[in-house]
Amino acid sequence: MSAVPESPNQIDRNVKSVPFLLRFISTGFGAGYSPLIPGTVGTLVALIFYAIPGFETTIVMLSAIVAAFTIGTYGAHLVEKQSSHDPGIIVIDEIVGMWVSLLFLPKSLTITAAAFILFRISDIIKPWPARWFQHKSGGLAIMLDDVFAGMYVNIAIQLWLWFIH
């Protein structure tokens, strides 16, 4: 097995031993198999859930974040173990990170769009400690770099909303 698999299909062949449901969730319900920008596609999956009426409530979002983080950590660990470091097909971390970006914020198109753009930038730039986690192995590290990116975005938008009011 090469250190960096050639494609999502190659990675998928390597991770067949990971239970289907765990792999399905870890890949963002298949979004991670997108041939182009799988992280962005995974982030869009998070927004599809967020568009469901009532999903933005604190109890629903916190429950979804905790559940997806827990399942994602385990699934990402297993997928990484069978493939390569932080394989691109894992996008549950982007989903959780996007939800963290939106947690406790009012639901509006402007805020959602700003959070999406800022999250993608933060996920790419990876400010500390997200960058530190990016270089670590394991499901927890895979999940935490995006959680920190989401926290930065959330704080930035909270401060922006406080400033404009």
Foldseek 3Di string as FASTA:
>chain_A
DDQADDAPVRLCVLQVVQDPVLLCLQLLNQLLRPRPDSLLSSLVSLVVQVPPPPCQDQVNLVVVLVVLLVSNQVSQQSSCVRHHFLDSSGRSLSSSLLSLLRHPHDDDPVSSVQSSVQLVVCLVVQDPPLVVLSPDGGSNSSNVSSNVSSPVNNVVVVVVVVVVD
